[in-house]
Amino acid sequence: MDLRKVGCMRNVPFLSLDACRSDYLFDHGSRIASLAKNNLLFENAVAPSRWSHPSHASIFTGVPPHEHGIQTPQDEYKTIPLVEELNDAGYTTYGVSANPFCSGAYGFDTQFDTFFNTLNLENPAGIEANDIMGSLPEGDDHLNQINQYVHLLRAALGHNS
């Protein structure tokens, strides 16, 4: 896909909830369910690998694990084509991740204009996802916690709507 030809996209948020069942998110009237109704949703997505590191590499490269070569915990990203294409099309790219396999430790942060690793609380603006999530009340209100995290991501990216 040549992103330069897609002139109508102002923002391109990409949300990956690793190891999270979709029926849990969408059956409770959450903001994520609302986003899914009004945007692109892949209802029959299949993970290209049995674990996070090569699966996320496939998402961001567009190729299966045997082609991108990220299959062991020691493998690092050499390139992230999705981010490269967005940069080439004139987008400012921001990455926010609490997933260790999508972090600077594996070279994942190198091609984003700005990257926040919330797992290690290295956010220079002071937004600390782990602190916010840890301060929420415990119990069965997991959707509220997810909504709070979405608000955190919006604040990190400077979007209010």
Foldseek 3Di string as FASTA:
>chain_A
DQVLPVPPDPDDDDDDDPPDDPCVQQVPPFVVVVCVVVDPDDPDDDQLDPDDQQSVQCVQAVDHCVVQVPDDPPAAHPDRVNLVSCVVSPHQFEEEDCDPSCDVVRPNQVSHNYYHHLVVPPQPVRLRLVVVLVPDDDDDVVSVSVVVVVVSVCVSVVHDD
